Amino acid sequence: MPVDVENYWRIKNELGEAITLVAVSKTKSIEDILELYNLGHRDFGENYVQELVDKEAVLPKDIRWHFIGTLQTNKVKKIAPFIHLIHAVESLSLLKKIDKHGNKWNRVIDCLFQLHIADEETKHGMYENEVEEGLQQLSSGEMPNVRICGLMGMATLTTDLTKIRYEFNYLRKVYVKNSQPVTNYSNFTLLSMGMSSDYKIAVEEGSNMVRIGSLIFGERNNPQV
């Protein structure tokens, strides 16, 4: 299925300049990505490490790659040299591994803590107290090659819009609570929430970064992305 250019521009105009659109290009072809790239789009999201590595090797170097899937610690090294933002940091052990590989490449890797907000066991993430503990540990300067730029979360896959709104509202409250003060270990400016099925609610609840795939690239097996 070709890129829905009309839908892309509709969403871009709807979001405006203040909200970053991450086009989720997982399983999509190089040609599809280039079509969007040639429209001026630069932020692309991938879920699978090897697929991302393969695409990064052949696509333009000014693309800002977002890793939005579950990241295994033994695969961090593959994306550490070039990744723009890792969205789903769900543990301090993963963050420490990212810091280790950031040090190897002499770069600071931007990350988001993933907060568990969904009423689903399949969804990953930290709890509020773990996020706060993680930020406290970072304040000691032990991991100088990572920077926490905010939070991300995935709402429950449900038709209950009230439930989705409640979960996004909770995520925003945790984000606001931890956004001050900004320090050298933290630059809390990003709230990544909202996908194809729920991004409008997410934006209403304060999201400034949405991850949209199927509305631009066509349907996938997972209807939420």
C-alpha atoms as a PDB file:
ATOM      1  CA  MET A   1       0.000   0.000   0.000  1.00  0.00           C
ATOM      2  CA  PRO A   2       1.470   3.392  -0.982  1.00  0.00           C
ATOM      3  CA  VAL A   3       2.041   6.219   1.465  1.00  0.00           C
ATOM      4  CA  ASP A   4      -1.159   8.159   2.125  1.00  0.00           C
ATOM      5  CA  VAL A   5       0.271  11.586   1.355  1.00  0.00           C
ATOM      6  CA  GLU A   6      -3.044  13.355   1.820  1.00  0.00           C
ATOM      7  CA  ASN A   7      -3.458  11.853   5.283  1.00  0.00           C
ATOM      8  CA  TYR A   8       0.124  12.712   6.163  1.00  0.00           C
ATOM      9  CA  TRP A   9      -0.369  16.400   5.411  1.00  0.00           C
ATOM     10  CA  ARG A  10      -3.720  16.427   7.194  1.00  0.00           C
ATOM     11  CA  ILE A  11      -2.122  15.038  10.350  1.00  0.00           C
ATOM     12  CA  LYS A  12       0.896  17.353  10.091  1.00  0.00           C
ATOM     13  CA  ASN A  13      -1.338  20.396   9.781  1.00  0.00           C
ATOM     14  CA  GLU A  14      -3.529  19.165  12.600  1.00  0.00           C
ATOM     15  CA  LEU A  15      -0.557  18.711  14.939  1.00  0.00           C
ATOM     16  CA  GLY A  16       1.155  21.980  14.086  1.00  0.00           C
ATOM     17  CA  GLU A  17       4.760  22.891  14.796  1.00  0.00           C
ATOM     18  CA  ALA A  18       4.711  22.224  18.544  1.00  0.00           C
ATOM     19  CA  ILE A  19       4.042  18.480  18.269  1.00  0.00           C
ATOM     20  CA  THR A  20       6.572  16.099  16.729  1.00  0.00           C
ATOM     21  CA  LEU A  21       5.186  13.450  14.408  1.00  0.00           C
ATOM     22  CA  VAL A  22       7.208  10.240  14.479  1.00  0.00           C
ATOM     23  CA  ALA A  23       6.256   8.255  11.391  1.00  0.00           C
ATOM     24  CA  VAL A  24       6.326   4.595  12.421  1.00  0.00           C
ATOM     25  CA  SER A  25       7.981   2.873   9.492  1.00  0.00           C
ATOM     26  CA  LYS A  26       8.436  -0.629  10.890  1.00  0.00           C
ATOM     27  CA  THR A  27       7.999  -3.340   8.221  1.00  0.00           C
ATOM     28  CA  LYS A  28       7.734  -0.622   5.554  1.00  0.00           C
ATOM     29  CA  SER A  29      10.009  -0.444   2.551  1.00  0.00           C
ATOM     30  CA  ILE A  30      12.921   1.847   1.810  1.00  0.00           C
ATOM     31  CA  GLU A  31      10.833   3.307  -1.019  1.00  0.00           C
ATOM     32  CA  ASP A  32       7.975   4.176   1.340  1.00  0.00           C
ATOM     33  CA  ILE A  33      10.329   5.893   3.770  1.00  0.00           C
ATOM     34  CA  LEU A  34      12.002   7.828   0.968  1.00  0.00           C
ATOM     35  CA  GLU A  35       8.630   8.999  -0.300  1.00  0.00           C
ATOM     36  CA  LEU A  36       7.917  10.579   3.061  1.00  0.00           C
ATOM     37  CA  TYR A  37      11.505  11.799   3.387  1.00  0.00           C
ATOM     38  CA  ASN A  38      11.179  13.598   0.057  1.00  0.00           C
ATOM     39  CA  LEU A  39       8.196  15.463   1.462  1.00  0.00           C
ATOM     40  CA  GLY A  40      10.543  16.846   4.112  1.00  0.00           C
ATOM     41  CA  HIS A  41       9.846  14.397   6.926  1.00  0.00           C
ATOM     42  CA  ARG A  42      12.801  13.409   9.107  1.00  0.00           C
ATOM     43  CA  ASP A  43      11.513  11.621  12.233  1.00  0.00           C
ATOM     44  CA  PHE A  44      10.966   7.883  11.743  1.00  0.00           C
ATOM     45  CA  GLY A  45      10.228   5.193  14.327  1.00  0.00           C
ATOM     46  CA  GLU A  46      11.267   1.552  14.257  1.00  0.00           C
ATOM     47  CA  ASN A  47      10.511  -1.391  16.562  1.00  0.00           C
ATOM     48  CA  TYR A  48      13.078  -3.981  15.505  1.00  0.00           C
ATOM     49  CA  VAL A  49      16.810  -3.483  15.914  1.00  0.00           C
ATOM     50  CA  GLN A  50      18.064  -5.359  12.865  1.00  0.00           C
ATOM     51  CA  GLU A  51      15.483  -3.777  10.594  1.00  0.00           C
ATOM     52  CA  LEU A  52      16.492  -0.360  11.876  1.00  0.00           C
ATOM     53  CA  VAL A  53      20.205  -1.072  11.393  1.00  0.00           C
ATOM     54  CA  ASP A  54      19.605  -2.239   7.834  1.00  0.00           C
ATOM     55  CA  LYS A  55      17.534   0.830   6.965  1.00  0.00           C
ATOM     56  CA  GLU A  56      19.941   3.288   8.580  1.00  0.00           C
ATOM     57  CA  ALA A  57      22.778   1.895   6.487  1.00  0.00           C
ATOM     58  CA  VAL A  58      21.140   2.824   3.177  1.00  0.00           C
ATOM     59  CA  LEU A  59      18.915   5.809   3.942  1.00  0.00           C
ATOM     60  CA  PRO A  60      19.930   9.492   4.231  1.00  0.00           C
ATOM     61  CA  LYS A  61      22.014  10.316   7.284  1.00  0.00           C
ATOM     62  CA  ASP A  62      19.929  13.296   8.354  1.00  0.00           C
ATOM     63  CA  ILE A  63      17.016  11.048   9.307  1.00  0.00           C
ATOM     64  CA  ARG A  64      16.270  11.178  13.046  1.00  0.00           C
ATOM     65  CA  TRP A  65      15.736   7.558  14.031  1.00  0.00           C
ATOM     66  CA  HIS A  66      13.503   6.804  17.021  1.00  0.00           C
ATOM     67  CA  PHE A  67      13.583   3.347  18.568  1.00  0.00           C
ATOM     68  CA  ILE A  68      10.085   2.800  19.937  1.00  0.00           C
ATOM     69  CA  GLY A  69       9.985  -0.929  20.627  1.00  0.00           C
ATOM     70  CA  THR A  70      11.175  -3.070  23.506  1.00  0.00           C
ATOM     71  CA  LEU A  71      14.970  -2.886  23.473  1.00  0.00           C
ATOM     72  CA  GLN A  72      16.993  -5.878  24.624  1.00  0.00           C
ATOM     73  CA  THR A  73      20.188  -4.974  26.449  1.00  0.00           C
ATOM     74  CA  ASN A  74      22.326  -7.148  24.176  1.00  0.00           C
ATOM     75  CA  LYS A  75      21.186  -5.177  21.130  1.00  0.00           C
ATOM     76  CA  VAL A  76      21.873  -1.665  22.400  1.00  0.00           C
ATOM     77  CA  LYS A  77      25.331  -1.694  20.817  1.00  0.00           C
ATOM     78  CA  LYS A  78      23.842  -1.994  17.333  1.00  0.00           C
ATOM     79  CA  ILE A  79      21.939   1.294  17.467  1.00  0.00           C
ATOM     80  CA  ALA A  80      24.125   3.273  19.887  1.00  0.00           C
ATOM     81  CA  PRO A  81      26.239   4.961  17.157  1.00  0.00           C
ATOM     82  CA  PHE A  82      23.325   6.703  15.448  1.00  0.00           C
ATOM     83  CA  ILE A  83      20.037   6.534  17.359  1.00  0.00           C
ATOM     84  CA  HIS A  84      18.319   9.904  17.868  1.00  0.00           C
ATOM     85  CA  LEU A  85      15.951   8.927  20.699  1.00  0.00           C
ATOM     86  CA  ILE A  86      15.185   5.694  22.551  1.00  0.00           C
ATOM     87  CA  HIS A  87      11.553   5.873  23.665  1.00  0.00           C
ATOM     88  CA  ALA A  88      11.019   2.800  25.787  1.00  0.00           C
ATOM     89  CA  VAL A  89      13.591   2.697  28.592  1.00  0.00           C
ATOM     90  CA  GLU A  90      11.791   0.497  31.079  1.00  0.00           C
ATOM     91  CA  SER A  91      14.547  -0.223  33.605  1.00  0.00           C
ATOM     92  CA  LEU A  92      17.704   1.249  35.069  1.00  0.00           C
ATOM     93  CA  SER A  93      19.657  -1.797  33.930  1.00  0.00           C
ATOM     94  CA  LEU A  94      18.774  -0.969  30.329  1.00  0.00           C
ATOM     95  CA  LEU A  95      19.690   2.676  30.884  1.00  0.00           C
ATOM     96  CA  LYS A  96      23.081   1.652  32.269  1.00  0.00           C
ATOM     97  CA  LYS A  97      23.720  -0.452  29.172  1.00  0.00           C
ATOM     98  CA  ILE A  98      22.803   2.484  26.929  1.00  0.00           C
ATOM     99  CA  ASP A  99      25.176   4.700  28.926  1.00  0.00           C
ATOM    100  CA  LYS A 100      27.960   2.151  28.511  1.00  0.00           C
ATOM    101  CA  HIS A 101      27.626   2.138  24.725  1.00  0.00           C
ATOM    102  CA  GLY A 102      27.156   5.891  24.608  1.00  0.00           C
ATOM    103  CA  ASN A 103      30.533   6.169  26.296  1.00  0.00           C
ATOM    104  CA  LYS A 104      32.101   3.889  23.691  1.00  0.00           C
ATOM    105  CA  TRP A 105      30.896   6.199  20.921  1.00  0.00           C
ATOM    106  CA  ASN A 106      31.646   9.383  22.869  1.00  0.00           C
ATOM    107  CA  ARG A 107      28.062  10.612  22.655  1.00  0.00           C
ATOM    108  CA  VAL A 108      25.152  11.340  24.936  1.00  0.00           C
ATOM    109  CA  ILE A 109      22.138   9.234  23.972  1.00  0.00           C
ATOM    110  CA  ASP A 110      18.728  10.799  24.531  1.00  0.00           C
ATOM    111  CA  CYS A 111      16.115   8.540  26.112  1.00  0.00           C
ATOM    112  CA  LEU A 112      12.611   8.513  27.533  1.00  0.00           C
ATOM    113  CA  PHE A 113      11.506   6.559  30.559  1.00  0.00           C
ATOM    114  CA  GLN A 114       8.507   4.398  29.660  1.00  0.00           C
ATOM    115  CA  LEU A 115       5.813   4.688  32.302  1.00  0.00           C
ATOM    116  CA  HIS A 116       3.435   1.765  32.680  1.00  0.00           C
ATOM    117  CA  ILE A 117      -0.049   3.230  32.304  1.00  0.00           C
ATOM    118  CA  ALA A 118      -2.055   0.527  30.502  1.00  0.00           C
ATOM    119  CA  ASP A 119      -4.284  -2.058  32.114  1.00  0.00           C
ATOM    120  CA  GLU A 120      -2.532  -4.796  30.142  1.00  0.00           C
ATOM    121  CA  GLU A 121       0.200  -7.209  31.201  1.00  0.00           C
ATOM    122  CA  THR A 122       1.685  -7.165  27.693  1.00  0.00           C
ATOM    123  CA  LYS A 123       2.523  -3.476  28.009  1.00  0.00           C
ATOM    124  CA  HIS A 124       5.892  -2.690  29.545  1.00  0.00           C
ATOM    125  CA  GLY A 125       7.154   0.191  31.607  1.00  0.00           C
ATOM    126  CA  MET A 126       8.284   1.573  34.934  1.00  0.00           C
ATOM    127  CA  TYR A 127       6.055   2.665  37.764  1.00  0.00           C
ATOM    128  CA  GLU A 128       5.966   6.217  39.055  1.00  0.00           C
ATOM    129  CA  ASN A 129       8.211   5.540  42.051  1.00  0.00           C
ATOM    130  CA  GLU A 130      10.749   3.808  39.786  1.00  0.00           C
ATOM    131  CA  VAL A 131      10.875   6.830  37.474  1.00  0.00           C
ATOM    132  CA  GLU A 132      11.532   9.111  40.430  1.00  0.00           C
ATOM    133  CA  GLU A 133      14.184   6.778  41.830  1.00  0.00           C
ATOM    134  CA  GLY A 134      15.837   6.608  38.421  1.00  0.00           C
ATOM    135  CA  LEU A 135      16.012  10.379  38.132  1.00  0.00           C
ATOM    136  CA  GLN A 136      17.485  10.608  41.606  1.00  0.00           C
ATOM    137  CA  GLN A 137      20.187   8.127  40.671  1.00  0.00           C
ATOM    138  CA  LEU A 138      20.961  10.031  37.502  1.00  0.00           C
ATOM    139  CA  SER A 139      21.437  13.230  39.497  1.00  0.00           C
ATOM    140  CA  SER A 140      24.599  11.709  40.970  1.00  0.00           C
ATOM    141  CA  GLY A 141      26.217  11.877  37.537  1.00  0.00           C
ATOM    142  CA  GLU A 142      26.909   8.145  37.379  1.00  0.00           C
ATOM    143  CA  MET A 143      25.654   7.844  33.794  1.00  0.00           C
ATOM    144  CA  PRO A 144      27.006  10.854  31.873  1.00  0.00           C
ATOM    145  CA  ASN A 145      26.340   9.358  28.438  1.00  0.00           C
ATOM    146  CA  VAL A 146      22.555   9.246  28.692  1.00  0.00           C
ATOM    147  CA  ARG A 147      20.019  12.024  29.057  1.00  0.00           C
ATOM    148  CA  ILE A 148      16.400  11.544  30.059  1.00  0.00           C
ATOM    149  CA  CYS A 149      14.297  13.867  27.915  1.00  0.00           C
ATOM    150  CA  GLY A 150      10.864  12.967  29.252  1.00  0.00           C
ATOM    151  CA  LEU A 151       8.356  10.139  29.371  1.00  0.00           C
ATOM    152  CA  MET A 152       6.496   7.876  26.989  1.00  0.00           C
ATOM    153  CA  GLY A 153       3.555   5.576  27.517  1.00  0.00           C
ATOM    154  CA  MET A 154       1.104   3.330  25.723  1.00  0.00           C
ATOM    155  CA  ALA A 155      -2.563   3.367  26.668  1.00  0.00           C
ATOM    156  CA  THR A 156      -4.749   0.302  26.942  1.00  0.00           C
ATOM    157  CA  LEU A 157      -5.977  -1.015  23.594  1.00  0.00           C
ATOM    158  CA  THR A 158      -9.670  -0.449  24.152  1.00  0.00           C
ATOM    159  CA  THR A 159     -12.686   1.360  22.737  1.00  0.00           C
ATOM    160  CA  ASP A 160     -13.273   2.939  26.157  1.00  0.00           C
ATOM    161  CA  LEU A 161     -12.168   6.493  25.410  1.00  0.00           C
ATOM    162  CA  THR A 162     -12.637   7.565  29.022  1.00  0.00           C
ATOM    163  CA  LYS A 163     -10.132   4.956  30.128  1.00  0.00           C
ATOM    164  CA  ILE A 164      -7.614   6.028  27.478  1.00  0.00           C
ATOM    165  CA  ARG A 165      -7.999   9.662  28.512  1.00  0.00           C
ATOM    166  CA  TYR A 166      -7.520   8.777  32.172  1.00  0.00           C
ATOM    167  CA  GLU A 167      -4.288   6.902  31.410  1.00  0.00           C
ATOM    168  CA  PHE A 168      -2.873   9.720  29.296  1.00  0.00           C
ATOM    169  CA  ASN A 169      -3.864  12.260  31.933  1.00  0.00           C
ATOM    170  CA  TYR A 170      -2.009  10.266  34.569  1.00  0.00           C
ATOM    171  CA  LEU A 171       1.087  10.082  32.368  1.00  0.00           C
ATOM    172  CA  ARG A 172       1.018  13.851  31.894  1.00  0.00           C
ATOM    173  CA  LYS A 173       0.739  14.422  35.637  1.00  0.00           C
ATOM    174  CA  VAL A 174       3.833  12.301  36.275  1.00  0.00           C
ATOM    175  CA  TYR A 175       5.615  14.145  33.469  1.00  0.00           C
ATOM    176  CA  VAL A 176       4.785  17.569  34.908  1.00  0.00           C
ATOM    177  CA  LYS A 177       5.715  16.456  38.428  1.00  0.00           C
ATOM    178  CA  ASN A 178       9.202  15.465  37.286  1.00  0.00           C
ATOM    179  CA  SER A 179       9.851  18.199  34.739  1.00  0.00           C
ATOM    180  CA  GLN A 180      11.278  20.714  37.226  1.00  0.00           C
ATOM    181  CA  PRO A 181      14.027  21.493  37.617  1.00  0.00           C
ATOM    182  CA  VAL A 182      15.781  20.641  34.369  1.00  0.00           C
ATOM    183  CA  THR A 183      19.326  19.489  35.127  1.00  0.00           C
ATOM    184  CA  ASN A 184      22.374  18.195  33.318  1.00  0.00           C
ATOM    185  CA  TYR A 185      21.086  14.634  33.591  1.00  0.00           C
ATOM    186  CA  SER A 186      17.543  15.421  32.567  1.00  0.00           C
ATOM    187  CA  ASN A 187      15.940  17.646  29.947  1.00  0.00           C
ATOM    188  CA  PHE A 188      12.255  16.978  30.498  1.00  0.00           C
ATOM    189  CA  THR A 189      10.674  18.462  27.411  1.00  0.00           C
ATOM    190  CA  LEU A 190       9.175  15.415  25.675  1.00  0.00           C
ATOM    191  CA  LEU A 191       5.912  13.626  26.400  1.00  0.00           C
ATOM    192  CA  SER A 192       5.586  10.832  23.848  1.00  0.00           C
ATOM    193  CA  MET A 193       2.065   9.428  23.905  1.00  0.00           C
ATOM    194  CA  GLY A 194      -0.511   8.707  21.279  1.00  0.00           C
ATOM    195  CA  MET A 195      -0.630   6.428  18.252  1.00  0.00           C
ATOM    196  CA  SER A 196      -2.872   6.050  15.229  1.00  0.00           C
ATOM    197  CA  SER A 197      -5.925   4.982  17.215  1.00  0.00           C
ATOM    198  CA  ASP A 198      -5.667   7.436  20.094  1.00  0.00           C
ATOM    199  CA  TYR A 199      -3.358  10.323  19.191  1.00  0.00           C
ATOM    200  CA  LYS A 200      -6.136  12.926  19.213  1.00  0.00           C
ATOM    201  CA  ILE A 201      -6.913  12.165  22.853  1.00  0.00           C
ATOM    202  CA  ALA A 202      -3.205  12.142  23.650  1.00  0.00           C
ATOM    203  CA  VAL A 203      -2.749  15.602  22.149  1.00  0.00           C
ATOM    204  CA  GLU A 204      -5.732  16.902  24.112  1.00  0.00           C
ATOM    205  CA  GLU A 205      -4.067  15.555  27.259  1.00  0.00           C
ATOM    206  CA  GLY A 206      -0.753  17.267  26.581  1.00  0.00           C
ATOM    207  CA  SER A 207       1.313  15.052  24.284  1.00  0.00           C
ATOM    208  CA  ASN A 208       4.002  16.826  22.262  1.00  0.00           C
ATOM    209  CA  MET A 209       5.200  13.749  20.380  1.00  0.00           C
ATOM    210  CA  VAL A 210       2.986  11.180  18.662  1.00  0.00           C
ATOM    211  CA  ARG A 211       3.912   7.896  16.980  1.00  0.00           C
ATOM    212  CA  ILE A 212       1.762   7.257  13.924  1.00  0.00           C
ATOM    213  CA  GLY A 213       2.169   4.487  11.394  1.00  0.00           C
ATOM    214  CA  SER A 214      -0.948   2.932   9.885  1.00  0.00           C
ATOM    215  CA  LEU A 215      -2.679   6.244   9.130  1.00  0.00           C
ATOM    216  CA  ILE A 216       0.312   7.140   6.951  1.00  0.00           C
ATOM    217  CA  PHE A 217       1.752   3.835   5.745  1.00  0.00           C
ATOM    218  CA  GLY A 218      -1.358   1.650   5.788  1.00  0.00           C
ATOM    219  CA  GLU A 219      -2.753  -0.932   8.186  1.00  0.00           C
ATOM    220  CA  ARG A 220      -0.614  -3.460  10.050  1.00  0.00           C
ATOM    221  CA  ASN A 221      -1.422  -6.506  12.102  1.00  0.00           C
ATOM    222  CA  ASN A 222      -1.313  -4.288  15.197  1.00  0.00           C
ATOM    223  CA  PRO A 223      -4.131  -1.780  14.637  1.00  0.00           C
ATOM    224  CA  GLN A 224      -2.959   0.556  17.388  1.00  0.00           C
ATOM    225  CA  VAL A 225       0.307   1.672  15.767  1.00  0.00           C
END
